Amino acid sequence: MTYLILTIILVLFGVGLLLAEMFLLPGFGIAGVFGLASLIAAVVIAYVKLAVFWAWAGHVTLAACVLLCGIAIWVFIKSKAMDKMALDTKIEGGVDMPSAGKRMEELQK
């Protein structure tokens, strides 16, 4: 029973860290590594320790990890949280390109 609780905690912790890495923290850093390690540890525990009680525990845990990550990313993208983080500034300026036959010195005048 303790391995089941540990597996559930590791899956939720891993999904949370991966979401934080993708949407809050820039780059591929420590949160992504720990999130991925947490998900892998949960699947390994399910295959090794929980398979004694339930033969499909590892498969169910692996499917739950993939499904929860997909659902969490989809919900986060569809929520209004992405609107607050996204840049929506429009650049209205332009650049004068030289036409054929004009030199750069003529454009600076």
PDB file of N, CA and C in Angstrom:
ATOM      1  N   MET A   1       0.821  -1.202   0.000  1.00  0.00           N
ATOM      2  CA  MET A   1       0.000   0.000   0.000  1.00  0.00           C
ATOM      3  C   MET A   1       0.861   1.261   0.000  1.00  0.00           C
ATOM      4  N   THR A   2       1.996   1.200   0.682  1.00  0.00           N
ATOM      5  CA  THR A   2       2.859   2.380   0.716  1.00  0.00           C
ATOM      6  C   THR A   2       3.483   2.647  -0.653  1.00  0.00           C
ATOM      7  N   TYR A   3       3.748   1.581  -1.421  1.00  0.00           N
ATOM      8  CA  TYR A   3       4.291   1.779  -2.762  1.00  0.00           C
ATOM      9  C   TYR A   3       3.265   2.406  -3.695  1.00  0.00           C
ATOM     10  N   LEU A   4       2.003   2.094  -3.479  1.00  0.00           N
ATOM     11  CA  LEU A   4       0.951   2.710  -4.290  1.00  0.00           C
ATOM     12  C   LEU A   4       0.874   4.205  -4.014  1.00  0.00           C
ATOM     13  N   ILE A   5       0.912   4.581  -2.765  1.00  0.00           N
ATOM     14  CA  ILE A   5       0.878   6.005  -2.391  1.00  0.00           C
ATOM     15  C   ILE A   5       2.127   6.716  -2.905  1.00  0.00           C
ATOM     16  N   LEU A   6       3.279   6.062  -2.771  1.00  0.00           N
ATOM     17  CA  LEU A   6       4.524   6.643  -3.260  1.00  0.00           C
ATOM     18  C   LEU A   6       4.483   6.836  -4.774  1.00  0.00           C
ATOM     19  N   THR A   7       3.929   5.880  -5.486  1.00  0.00           N
ATOM     20  CA  THR A   7       3.815   5.985  -6.939  1.00  0.00           C
ATOM     21  C   THR A   7       2.911   7.142  -7.336  1.00  0.00           C
ATOM     22  N   ILE A   8       1.795   7.285  -6.671  1.00  0.00           N
ATOM     23  CA  ILE A   8       0.867   8.384  -6.977  1.00  0.00           C
ATOM     24  C   ILE A   8       1.519   9.732  -6.694  1.00  0.00           C
ATOM     25  N   ILE A   9       2.217   9.849  -5.586  1.00  0.00           N
ATOM     26  CA  ILE A   9       2.894  11.103  -5.236  1.00  0.00           C
ATOM     27  C   ILE A   9       3.979  11.428  -6.258  1.00  0.00           C
ATOM     28  N   LEU A  10       4.749  10.423  -6.665  1.00  0.00           N
ATOM     29  CA  LEU A  10       5.806  10.660  -7.646  1.00  0.00           C
ATOM     30  C   LEU A  10       5.249  11.077  -9.006  1.00  0.00           C
ATOM     31  N   VAL A  11       4.143  10.484  -9.412  1.00  0.00           N
ATOM     32  CA  VAL A  11       3.535  10.873 -10.688  1.00  0.00           C
ATOM     33  C   VAL A  11       3.046  12.321 -10.627  1.00  0.00           C
ATOM     34  N   LEU A  12       2.343  12.686  -9.584  1.00  0.00           N
ATOM     35  CA  LEU A  12       1.841  14.059  -9.465  1.00  0.00           C
ATOM     36  C   LEU A  12       2.981  15.070  -9.346  1.00  0.00           C
ATOM     37  N   PHE A  13       3.994  14.719  -8.572  1.00  0.00           N
ATOM     38  CA  PHE A  13       5.160  15.586  -8.418  1.00  0.00           C
ATOM     39  C   PHE A  13       5.890  15.749  -9.753  1.00  0.00           C
ATOM     40  N   GLY A  14       6.044  14.654 -10.484  1.00  0.00           N
ATOM     41  CA  GLY A  14       6.722  14.711 -11.778  1.00  0.00           C
ATOM     42  C   GLY A  14       5.977  15.540 -12.802  1.00  0.00           C
ATOM     43  N   VAL A  15       4.667  15.379 -12.865  1.00  0.00           N
ATOM     44  CA  VAL A  15       3.860  16.175 -13.804  1.00  0.00           C
ATOM     45  C   VAL A  15       3.932  17.655 -13.434  1.00  0.00           C
ATOM     46  N   GLY A  16       3.864  17.956 -12.152  1.00  0.00           N
ATOM     47  CA  GLY A  16       3.961  19.353 -11.709  1.00  0.00           C
ATOM     48  C   GLY A  16       5.301  19.980 -12.056  1.00  0.00           C
ATOM     49  N   LEU A  17       6.371  19.232 -11.849  1.00  0.00           N
ATOM     50  CA  LEU A  17       7.689  19.771 -12.179  1.00  0.00           C
ATOM     51  C   LEU A  17       7.874  19.950 -13.681  1.00  0.00           C
ATOM     52  N   LEU A  18       7.360  19.025 -14.470  1.00  0.00           N
ATOM     53  CA  LEU A  18       7.469  19.184 -15.917  1.00  0.00           C
ATOM     54  C   LEU A  18       6.661  20.376 -16.415  1.00  0.00           C
ATOM     55  N   LEU A  19       5.488  20.603 -15.835  1.00  0.00           N
ATOM     56  CA  LEU A  19       4.712  21.796 -16.201  1.00  0.00           C
ATOM     57  C   LEU A  19       5.447  23.073 -15.819  1.00  0.00           C
ATOM     58  N   ALA A  20       6.032  23.075 -14.629  1.00  0.00           N
ATOM     59  CA  ALA A  20       6.797  24.248 -14.199  1.00  0.00           C
ATOM     60  C   ALA A  20       7.982  24.492 -15.124  1.00  0.00           C
ATOM     61  N   GLU A  21       8.620  23.432 -15.548  1.00  0.00           N
ATOM     62  CA  GLU A  21       9.769  23.575 -16.444  1.00  0.00           C
ATOM     63  C   GLU A  21       9.350  24.107 -17.811  1.00  0.00           C
ATOM     64  N   MET A  22       8.240  23.624 -18.328  1.00  0.00           N
ATOM     65  CA  MET A  22       7.813  24.038 -19.665  1.00  0.00           C
ATOM     66  C   MET A  22       7.269  25.451 -19.708  1.00  0.00           C
ATOM     67  N   PHE A  23       6.535  25.858 -18.693  1.00  0.00           N
ATOM     68  CA  PHE A  23       5.804  27.121 -18.790  1.00  0.00           C
ATOM     69  C   PHE A  23       6.296  28.224 -17.856  1.00  0.00           C
ATOM     70  N   LEU A  24       7.025  27.887 -16.814  1.00  0.00           N
ATOM     71  CA  LEU A  24       7.424  28.916 -15.859  1.00  0.00           C
ATOM     72  C   LEU A  24       8.923  29.172 -15.837  1.00  0.00           C
ATOM     73  N   LEU A  25       9.713  28.121 -15.930  1.00  0.00           N
ATOM     74  CA  LEU A  25      11.160  28.251 -15.839  1.00  0.00           C
ATOM     75  C   LEU A  25      11.769  28.151 -17.235  1.00  0.00           C
ATOM     76  N   PRO A  26      12.669  29.051 -17.579  1.00  0.00           N
ATOM     77  CA  PRO A  26      13.253  29.009 -18.921  1.00  0.00           C
ATOM     78  C   PRO A  26      14.295  27.895 -19.067  1.00  0.00           C
ATOM     79  N   GLY A  27      14.369  27.336 -20.244  1.00  0.00           N
ATOM     80  CA  GLY A  27      15.402  26.352 -20.540  1.00  0.00           C
ATOM     81  C   GLY A  27      15.096  24.968 -20.026  1.00  0.00           C
ATOM     82  N   PHE A  28      16.059  24.080 -20.223  1.00  0.00           N
ATOM     83  CA  PHE A  28      15.940  22.708 -19.719  1.00  0.00           C
ATOM     84  C   PHE A  28      16.821  22.621 -18.495  1.00  0.00           C
ATOM     85  N   GLY A  29      16.213  22.721 -17.331  1.00  0.00           N
ATOM     86  CA  GLY A  29      16.984  22.803 -16.103  1.00  0.00           C
ATOM     87  C   GLY A  29      16.670  21.713 -15.120  1.00  0.00           C
ATOM     88  N   ILE A  30      16.897  22.032 -13.888  1.00  0.00           N
ATOM     89  CA  ILE A  30      16.823  21.061 -12.808  1.00  0.00           C
ATOM     90  C   ILE A  30      15.397  20.572 -12.573  1.00  0.00           C
ATOM     91  N   ALA A  31      14.408  21.430 -12.773  1.00  0.00           N
ATOM     92  CA  ALA A  31      13.015  21.007 -12.574  1.00  0.00           C
ATOM     93  C   ALA A  31      12.605  19.963 -13.608  1.00  0.00           C
ATOM     94  N   GLY A  32      13.037  20.122 -14.841  1.00  0.00           N
ATOM     95  CA  GLY A  32      12.735  19.145 -15.875  1.00  0.00           C
ATOM     96  C   GLY A  32      13.407  17.808 -15.621  1.00  0.00           C
ATOM     97  N   VAL A  33      14.656  17.858 -15.165  1.00  0.00           N
ATOM     98  CA  VAL A  33      15.383  16.625 -14.864  1.00  0.00           C
ATOM     99  C   VAL A  33      14.727  15.892 -13.704  1.00  0.00           C
ATOM    100  N   PHE A  34      14.392  16.614 -12.638  1.00  0.00           N
ATOM    101  CA  PHE A  34      13.744  15.976 -11.490  1.00  0.00           C
ATOM    102  C   PHE A  34      12.329  15.506 -11.818  1.00  0.00           C
ATOM    103  N   GLY A  35      11.613  16.237 -12.648  1.00  0.00           N
ATOM    104  CA  GLY A  35      10.280  15.806 -13.054  1.00  0.00           C
ATOM    105  C   GLY A  35      10.319  14.528 -13.859  1.00  0.00           C
ATOM    106  N   LEU A  36      11.241  14.454 -14.801  1.00  0.00           N
ATOM    107  CA  LEU A  36      11.390  13.243 -15.603  1.00  0.00           C
ATOM    108  C   LEU A  36      11.866  12.072 -14.744  1.00  0.00           C
ATOM    109  N   ALA A  37      12.801  12.339 -13.836  1.00  0.00           N
ATOM    110  CA  ALA A  37      13.287  11.284 -12.935  1.00  0.00           C
ATOM    111  C   ALA A  37      12.171  10.791 -12.024  1.00  0.00           C
ATOM    112  N   SER A  38      11.310  11.688 -11.590  1.00  0.00           N
ATOM    113  CA  SER A  38      10.187  11.301 -10.735  1.00  0.00           C
ATOM    114  C   SER A  38       9.202  10.408 -11.472  1.00  0.00           C
ATOM    115  N   LEU A  39       8.910  10.752 -12.728  1.00  0.00           N
ATOM    116  CA  LEU A  39       8.011   9.911 -13.518  1.00  0.00           C
ATOM    117  C   LEU A  39       8.623   8.543 -13.803  1.00  0.00           C
ATOM    118  N   ILE A  40       9.910   8.521 -14.112  1.00  0.00           N
ATOM    119  CA  ILE A  40      10.577   7.252 -14.361  1.00  0.00           C
ATOM    120  C   ILE A  40      10.600   6.400 -13.091  1.00  0.00           C
ATOM    121  N   ALA A  41      10.872   7.024 -11.958  1.00  0.00           N
ATOM    122  CA  ALA A  41      10.876   6.288 -10.689  1.00  0.00           C
ATOM    123  C   ALA A  41       9.503   5.720 -10.370  1.00  0.00           C
ATOM    124  N   ALA A  42       8.454   6.470 -10.657  1.00  0.00           N
ATOM    125  CA  ALA A  42       7.092   5.986 -10.402  1.00  0.00           C
ATOM    126  C   ALA A  42       6.777   4.772 -11.263  1.00  0.00           C
ATOM    127  N   VAL A  43       7.186   4.801 -12.522  1.00  0.00           N
ATOM    128  CA  VAL A  43       6.930   3.671 -13.418  1.00  0.00           C
ATOM    129  C   VAL A  43       7.753   2.454 -12.996  1.00  0.00           C
ATOM    130  N   VAL A  44       9.006   2.675 -12.605  1.00  0.00           N
ATOM    131  CA  VAL A  44       9.848   1.563 -12.162  1.00  0.00           C
ATOM    132  C   VAL A  44       9.292   0.930 -10.891  1.00  0.00           C
ATOM    133  N   ILE A  45       8.867   1.742  -9.946  1.00  0.00           N
ATOM    134  CA  ILE A  45       8.270   1.208  -8.712  1.00  0.00           C
ATOM    135  C   ILE A  45       7.007   0.420  -9.031  1.00  0.00           C
ATOM    136  N   ALA A  46       6.220   0.926  -9.966  1.00  0.00           N
ATOM    137  CA  ALA A  46       4.990   0.215 -10.324  1.00  0.00           C
ATOM    138  C   ALA A  46       5.293  -1.126 -10.976  1.00  0.00           C
ATOM    139  N   TYR A  47       6.299  -1.160 -11.860  1.00  0.00           N
ATOM    140  CA  TYR A  47       6.630  -2.430 -12.519  1.00  0.00           C
ATOM    141  C   TYR A  47       7.274  -3.423 -11.550  1.00  0.00           C
ATOM    142  N   VAL A  48       8.109  -2.939 -10.636  1.00  0.00           N
ATOM    143  CA  VAL A  48       8.855  -3.843  -9.752  1.00  0.00           C
ATOM    144  C   VAL A  48       8.061  -4.215  -8.509  1.00  0.00           C
ATOM    145  N   LYS A  49       7.544  -3.234  -7.807  1.00  0.00           N
ATOM    146  CA  LYS A  49       6.931  -3.492  -6.498  1.00  0.00           C
ATOM    147  C   LYS A  49       5.431  -3.760  -6.565  1.00  0.00           C
ATOM    148  N   LEU A  50       4.722  -3.037  -7.425  1.00  0.00           N
ATOM    149  CA  LEU A  50       3.268  -3.190  -7.467  1.00  0.00           C
ATOM    150  C   LEU A  50       2.814  -4.344  -8.348  1.00  0.00           C
ATOM    151  N   ALA A  51       3.692  -4.852  -9.196  1.00  0.00           N
ATOM    152  CA  ALA A  51       3.318  -5.975 -10.063  1.00  0.00           C
ATOM    153  C   ALA A  51       3.050  -7.239  -9.262  1.00  0.00           C
ATOM    154  N   VAL A  52       3.549  -7.285  -8.050  1.00  0.00           N
ATOM    155  CA  VAL A  52       3.287  -8.442  -7.181  1.00  0.00           C
ATOM    156  C   VAL A  52       1.804  -8.513  -6.837  1.00  0.00           C
ATOM    157  N   PHE A  53       1.190  -7.364  -6.606  1.00  0.00           N
ATOM    158  CA  PHE A  53      -0.222  -7.308  -6.233  1.00  0.00           C
ATOM    159  C   PHE A  53      -1.143  -7.251  -7.445  1.00  0.00           C
ATOM    160  N   TRP A  54      -0.669  -6.559  -8.484  1.00  0.00           N
ATOM    161  CA  TRP A  54      -1.516  -6.309  -9.635  1.00  0.00           C
ATOM    162  C   TRP A  54      -0.644  -6.369 -10.885  1.00  0.00           C
ATOM    163  N   ALA A  55      -0.911  -7.279 -11.775  1.00  0.00           N
ATOM    164  CA  ALA A  55      -0.029  -7.555 -12.907  1.00  0.00           C
ATOM    165  C   ALA A  55       0.079  -6.375 -13.875  1.00  0.00           C
ATOM    166  N   TRP A  56      -0.946  -5.585 -14.005  1.00  0.00           N
ATOM    167  CA  TRP A  56      -0.966  -4.482 -14.960  1.00  0.00           C
ATOM    168  C   TRP A  56      -0.575  -3.143 -14.342  1.00  0.00           C
ATOM    169  N   ALA A  57      -0.045  -3.136 -13.154  1.00  0.00           N
ATOM    170  CA  ALA A  57       0.252  -1.884 -12.450  1.00  0.00           C
ATOM    171  C   ALA A  57       1.252  -1.012 -13.207  1.00  0.00           C
ATOM    172  N   GLY A  58       2.275  -1.615 -13.749  1.00  0.00           N
ATOM    173  CA  GLY A  58       3.270  -0.834 -14.489  1.00  0.00           C
ATOM    174  C   GLY A  58       2.701  -0.217 -15.745  1.00  0.00           C
ATOM    175  N   HIS A  59       1.914  -0.987 -16.480  1.00  0.00           N
ATOM    176  CA  HIS A  59       1.305  -0.468 -17.705  1.00  0.00           C
ATOM    177  C   HIS A  59       0.325   0.673 -17.397  1.00  0.00           C
ATOM    178  N   VAL A  60      -0.444   0.486 -16.353  1.00  0.00           N
ATOM    179  CA  VAL A  60      -1.411   1.525 -15.965  1.00  0.00           C
ATOM    180  C   VAL A  60      -0.685   2.784 -15.516  1.00  0.00           C
ATOM    181  N   THR A  61       0.400   2.635 -14.767  1.00  0.00           N
ATOM    182  CA  THR A  61       1.161   3.801 -14.312  1.00  0.00           C
ATOM    183  C   THR A  61       1.807   4.523 -15.488  1.00  0.00           C
ATOM    184  N   LEU A  62       2.363   3.783 -16.410  1.00  0.00           N
ATOM    185  CA  LEU A  62       2.968   4.402 -17.587  1.00  0.00           C
ATOM    186  C   LEU A  62       1.920   5.143 -18.419  1.00  0.00           C
ATOM    187  N   ALA A  63       0.783   4.530 -18.625  1.00  0.00           N
ATOM    188  CA  ALA A  63      -0.295   5.191 -19.368  1.00  0.00           C
ATOM    189  C   ALA A  63      -0.806   6.418 -18.619  1.00  0.00           C
ATOM    190  N   ALA A  64      -0.888   6.325 -17.296  1.00  0.00           N
ATOM    191  CA  ALA A  64      -1.346   7.461 -16.496  1.00  0.00           C
ATOM    192  C   ALA A  64      -0.364   8.621 -16.582  1.00  0.00           C
ATOM    193  N   CYS A  65       0.936   8.324 -16.590  1.00  0.00           N
ATOM    194  CA  CYS A  65       1.936   9.389 -16.718  1.00  0.00           C
ATOM    195  C   CYS A  65       1.792  10.119 -18.043  1.00  0.00           C
ATOM    196  N   VAL A  66       1.683   9.368 -19.115  1.00  0.00           N
ATOM    197  CA  VAL A  66       1.548   9.982 -20.443  1.00  0.00           C
ATOM    198  C   VAL A  66       0.238  10.768 -20.546  1.00  0.00           C
ATOM    199  N   LEU A  67      -0.839  10.167 -20.069  1.00  0.00           N
ATOM    200  CA  LEU A  67      -2.145  10.816 -20.138  1.00  0.00           C
ATOM    201  C   LEU A  67      -2.201  12.074 -19.272  1.00  0.00           C
ATOM    202  N   LEU A  68      -1.681  12.004 -18.056  1.00  0.00           N
ATOM    203  CA  LEU A  68      -1.694  13.170 -17.171  1.00  0.00           C
ATOM    204  C   LEU A  68      -0.827  14.298 -17.716  1.00  0.00           C
ATOM    205  N   CYS A  69       0.317  13.978 -18.275  1.00  0.00           N
ATOM    206  CA  CYS A  69       1.158  15.023 -18.868  1.00  0.00           C
ATOM    207  C   CYS A  69       0.441  15.690 -20.040  1.00  0.00           C
ATOM    208  N   GLY A  70      -0.179  14.893 -20.887  1.00  0.00           N
ATOM    209  CA  GLY A  70      -0.907  15.461 -22.019  1.00  0.00           C
ATOM    210  C   GLY A  70      -2.087  16.318 -21.595  1.00  0.00           C
ATOM    211  N   ILE A  71      -2.865  15.834 -20.643  1.00  0.00           N
ATOM    212  CA  ILE A  71      -4.020  16.593 -20.160  1.00  0.00           C
ATOM    213  C   ILE A  71      -3.576  17.870 -19.464  1.00  0.00           C
ATOM    214  N   ALA A  72      -2.522  17.785 -18.651  1.00  0.00           N
ATOM    215  CA  ALA A  72      -2.046  18.966 -17.926  1.00  0.00           C
ATOM    216  C   ALA A  72      -1.551  20.036 -18.888  1.00  0.00           C
ATOM    217  N   ILE A  73      -0.828  19.641 -19.920  1.00  0.00           N
ATOM    218  CA  ILE A  73      -0.349  20.612 -20.901  1.00  0.00           C
ATOM    219  C   ILE A  73      -1.520  21.217 -21.664  1.00  0.00           C
ATOM    220  N   TRP A  74      -2.483  20.397 -22.060  1.00  0.00           N
ATOM    221  CA  TRP A  74      -3.642  20.890 -22.800  1.00  0.00           C
ATOM    222  C   TRP A  74      -4.456  21.878 -21.958  1.00  0.00           C
ATOM    223  N   VAL A  75      -4.702  21.543 -20.702  1.00  0.00           N
ATOM    224  CA  VAL A  75      -5.478  22.427 -19.821  1.00  0.00           C
ATOM    225  C   VAL A  75      -4.728  23.728 -19.579  1.00  0.00           C
ATOM    226  N   PHE A  76      -3.428  23.643 -19.383  1.00  0.00           N
ATOM    227  CA  PHE A  76      -2.648  24.854 -19.123  1.00  0.00           C
ATOM    228  C   PHE A  76      -2.631  25.772 -20.337  1.00  0.00           C
ATOM    229  N   ILE A  77      -2.529  25.190 -21.530  1.00  0.00           N
ATOM    230  CA  ILE A  77      -2.528  26.008 -22.738  1.00  0.00           C
ATOM    231  C   ILE A  77      -3.896  26.644 -22.970  1.00  0.00           C
ATOM    232  N   LYS A  78      -4.972  25.920 -22.702  1.00  0.00           N
ATOM    233  CA  LYS A  78      -6.321  26.443 -22.909  1.00  0.00           C
ATOM    234  C   LYS A  78      -6.748  27.445 -21.837  1.00  0.00           C
ATOM    235  N   SER A  79      -6.076  27.454 -20.699  1.00  0.00           N
ATOM    236  CA  SER A  79      -6.471  28.365 -19.623  1.00  0.00           C
ATOM    237  C   SER A  79      -6.003  29.783 -19.941  1.00  0.00           C
ATOM    238  N   LYS A  80      -6.431  30.713 -19.149  1.00  0.00           N
ATOM    239  CA  LYS A  80      -6.051  32.109 -19.338  1.00  0.00           C
ATOM    240  C   LYS A  80      -4.646  32.395 -18.832  1.00  0.00           C
ATOM    241  N   ALA A  81      -4.005  31.423 -18.208  1.00  0.00           N
ATOM    242  CA  ALA A  81      -2.654  31.629 -17.697  1.00  0.00           C
ATOM    243  C   ALA A  81      -1.668  31.866 -18.833  1.00  0.00           C
ATOM    244  N   MET A  82      -1.889  31.231 -19.973  1.00  0.00           N
ATOM    245  CA  MET A  82      -0.998  31.438 -21.110  1.00  0.00           C
ATOM    246  C   MET A  82      -1.125  32.855 -21.667  1.00  0.00           C
ATOM    247  N   ASP A  83      -2.310  33.448 -21.589  1.00  0.00           N
ATOM    248  CA  ASP A  83      -2.500  34.801 -22.095  1.00  0.00           C
ATOM    249  C   ASP A  83      -1.696  35.817 -21.287  1.00  0.00           C
ATOM    250  N   LYS A  84      -1.530  35.547 -20.006  1.00  0.00           N
ATOM    251  CA  LYS A  84      -0.768  36.464 -19.155  1.00  0.00           C
ATOM    252  C   LYS A  84       0.725  36.367 -19.424  1.00  0.00           C
ATOM    253  N   MET A  85       1.190  35.210 -19.849  1.00  0.00           N
ATOM    254  CA  MET A  85       2.618  35.021 -20.077  1.00  0.00           C
ATOM    255  C   MET A  85       3.042  35.328 -21.500  1.00  0.00           C
ATOM    256  N   ALA A  86       2.127  35.284 -22.443  1.00  0.00           N
ATOM    257  CA  ALA A  86       2.474  35.452 -23.850  1.00  0.00           C
ATOM    258  C   ALA A  86       2.699  36.925 -24.191  1.00  0.00           C
ATOM    259  N   LEU A  87       3.618  37.163 -25.093  1.00  0.00           N
ATOM    260  CA  LEU A  87       3.861  38.514 -25.584  1.00  0.00           C
ATOM    261  C   LEU A  87       2.904  38.790 -26.724  1.00  0.00           C
ATOM    262  N   ASP A  88       2.236  39.935 -26.658  1.00  0.00           N
ATOM    263  CA  ASP A  88       1.304  40.272 -27.726  1.00  0.00           C
ATOM    264  C   ASP A  88       1.556  41.666 -28.285  1.00  0.00           C
ATOM    265  N   THR A  89       2.766  42.167 -28.156  1.00  0.00           N
ATOM    266  CA  THR A  89       3.114  43.477 -28.670  1.00  0.00           C
ATOM    267  C   THR A  89       3.338  43.383 -30.171  1.00  0.00           C
ATOM    268  N   LYS A  90       2.768  44.326 -30.888  1.00  0.00           N
ATOM    269  CA  LYS A  90       2.951  44.358 -32.335  1.00  0.00           C
ATOM    270  C   LYS A  90       3.969  45.436 -32.676  1.00  0.00           C
ATOM    271  N   ILE A  91       4.880  45.105 -33.550  1.00  0.00           N
ATOM    272  CA  ILE A  91       5.893  46.059 -33.992  1.00  0.00           C
ATOM    273  C   ILE A  91       5.347  46.755 -35.232  1.00  0.00           C
ATOM    274  N   GLU A  92       5.210  48.071 -35.132  1.00  0.00           N
ATOM    275  CA  GLU A  92       4.601  48.833 -36.206  1.00  0.00           C
ATOM    276  C   GLU A  92       5.635  49.518 -37.095  1.00  0.00           C
ATOM    277  N   GLY A  93       6.866  49.581 -36.658  1.00  0.00           N
ATOM    278  CA  GLY A  93       7.904  50.271 -37.423  1.00  0.00           C
ATOM    279  C   GLY A  93       8.312  49.477 -38.645  1.00  0.00           C
ATOM    280  N   GLY A  94       9.084  50.097 -39.462  1.00  0.00           N
ATOM    281  CA  GLY A  94       9.559  49.443 -40.671  1.00  0.00           C
ATOM    282  C   GLY A  94      10.975  49.864 -40.981  1.00  0.00           C
ATOM    283  N   VAL A  95      11.512  49.278 -42.008  1.00  0.00           N
ATOM    284  CA  VAL A  95      12.872  49.588 -42.432  1.00  0.00           C
ATOM    285  C   VAL A  95      12.812  50.047 -43.875  1.00  0.00           C
ATOM    286  N   ASP A  96      13.471  51.164 -44.153  1.00  0.00           N
ATOM    287  CA  ASP A  96      13.542  51.644 -45.535  1.00  0.00           C
ATOM    288  C   ASP A  96      14.622  50.858 -46.253  1.00  0.00           C
ATOM    289  N   MET A  97      14.201  50.111 -47.220  1.00  0.00           N
ATOM    290  CA  MET A  97      15.145  49.316 -47.998  1.00  0.00           C
ATOM    291  C   MET A  97      15.599  50.135 -49.197  1.00  0.00           C
ATOM    292  N   PRO A  98      16.878  50.074 -49.511  1.00  0.00           N
ATOM    293  CA  PRO A  98      17.350  50.842 -50.678  1.00  0.00           C
ATOM    294  C   PRO A  98      16.802  50.236 -51.959  1.00  0.00           C
ATOM    295  N   SER A  99      16.391  51.112 -52.849  1.00  0.00           N
ATOM    296  CA  SER A  99      15.917  50.630 -54.142  1.00  0.00           C
ATOM    297  C   SER A  99      17.117  50.442 -55.071  1.00  0.00           C
ATOM    298  N   ALA A 100      16.889  49.834 -56.161  1.00  0.00           N
ATOM    299  CA  ALA A 100      17.984  49.564 -57.098  1.00  0.00           C
ATOM    300  C   ALA A 100      18.593  50.870 -57.585  1.00  0.00           C
ATOM    301  N   GLY A 101      19.884  50.968 -57.546  1.00  0.00           N
ATOM    302  CA  GLY A 101      20.564  52.155 -58.033  1.00  0.00           C
ATOM    303  C   GLY A 101      20.890  53.163 -56.953  1.00  0.00           C
ATOM    304  N   LYS A 102      20.374  53.026 -55.730  1.00  0.00           N
ATOM    305  CA  LYS A 102      20.688  53.967 -54.660  1.00  0.00           C
ATOM    306  C   LYS A 102      21.768  53.371 -53.768  1.00  0.00           C
ATOM    307  N   ARG A 103      22.615  54.235 -53.293  1.00  0.00           N
ATOM    308  CA  ARG A 103      23.668  53.797 -52.393  1.00  0.00           C
ATOM    309  C   ARG A 103      23.251  54.095 -50.961  1.00  0.00           C
ATOM    310  N   MET A 104      23.902  53.439 -50.016  1.00  0.00           N
ATOM    311  CA  MET A 104      23.589  53.627 -48.604  1.00  0.00           C
ATOM    312  C   MET A 104      23.847  55.061 -48.144  1.00  0.00           C
ATOM    313  N   GLU A 105      24.849  55.737 -48.715  1.00  0.00           N
ATOM    314  CA  GLU A 105      25.163  57.106 -48.307  1.00  0.00           C
ATOM    315  C   GLU A 105      24.001  58.040 -48.651  1.00  0.00           C
ATOM    316  N   GLU A 106      23.311  57.773 -49.728  1.00  0.00           N
ATOM    317  CA  GLU A 106      22.198  58.620 -50.142  1.00  0.00           C
ATOM    318  C   GLU A 106      21.008  58.454 -49.208  1.00  0.00           C
ATOM    319  N   LEU A 107      20.835  57.265 -48.643  1.00  0.00           N
ATOM    320  CA  LEU A 107      19.712  57.039 -47.738  1.00  0.00           C
ATOM    321  C   LEU A 107      19.920  57.688 -46.384  1.00  0.00           C
ATOM    322  N   GLN A 108      21.158  57.889 -45.971  1.00  0.00           N
ATOM    323  CA  GLN A 108      21.419  58.478 -44.661  1.00  0.00           C
ATOM    324  C   GLN A 108      21.220  59.967 -44.646  1.00  0.00           C
ATOM    325  N   LYS A 109      21.106  60.593 -45.771  1.00  0.00           N
ATOM    326  CA  LYS A 109      20.939  62.048 -45.833  1.00  0.00           C
ATOM    327  C   LYS A 109      19.519  62.463 -45.548  1.00  0.00           C
TER     328      LYS A 109
END
